[in-house]
Amino acid sequence: MNDLLGKISIVTGGAMGIGREIALRLARDGSDVAIVDIEKEPAQEVVKEIQSMGRKSLFFEADVAQWDQVKAMVEGVLKDFKGVDILINNAGIVGPFVPVWEYRVEDWDRVMEVNMKGIFLCCKAVMPSMLEGKSGRIVNIASIAGKEGNPRMSAYSSSKAAVIAFTKSLAKEVAQQNIMVNCITPALIETHMMEIMESEQREFLLAKIPMGRFGKPFEVAALVRFLVSDECSFSTGQCYDISGGRAVY
């Protein structure tokens, strides 16, 4: 299926982990890809890998929590790529693993700014172009934590719950414009984010997964691939589980 040929994708947090795998999958299937991240060197490596496939790719350094940077990034994409067809809001941070009463206010604010405000800003910035073209696909990366709430991860869990609700709200606003907005809720995936967790936290989260293993980035990318395809034509405002059986709703 070559429905991504000629399409322009933005992948935030595309330098590593899930974002990198999504960006490479979209490129392999024909899309040109703008990589957005604050990590310059690994992002440029992804750009080179995509370019080696014969696809166009550029790196845009931006903090998704800052409106001026997001706005400039999207303006740059529209100038260099001449459009935006797909937005993957993947950039996110975990924050500290501490109980609520020990959570520093500045840490809470930063998690909320990156994980939720960042998605709002990126959607806000690309929406005029998508509305003008009456076409688009947006996939927001939430988390199973947004459904269940993980202990010692209150800000992360709350921010991801907000992503789910935001996805449903935006999807209803643009449902008649051929713009599909969905989110996915991964359990713990084997990425750098998992590696920086305390071993106790990893074991706690693994015990919750009925399949008895962590997810792989390529498995998340495969689900994203369907959600940005032309075949995803009657599903919007939905939350898709990819958690090895952990989620049951």
Foldseek 3Di string as FASTA:
>chain_A
DQQQALAEEEFEVLLWFLNVLLQQVSLLSHYAYEYEYQDPVSSVVSQVVSVVSVHHYDYQYAQLLDLVSLLVVLVVCCVPSVAHAEYELDDAAQFFQAAPVPHDPVRLVVRLSRLAVSVVSNCVNRVVRCLVVLHHFYEYEAAVLCVVPDHSRNSNNVSSVNVLVVQLVVCVVSVPSHYAGEYEHEQAEPIVNLVPDDPVVNVVSLVLAPQNDHHYSNVVSVVVVCRSGPVVRPDHSYYHYDYNPNDDD
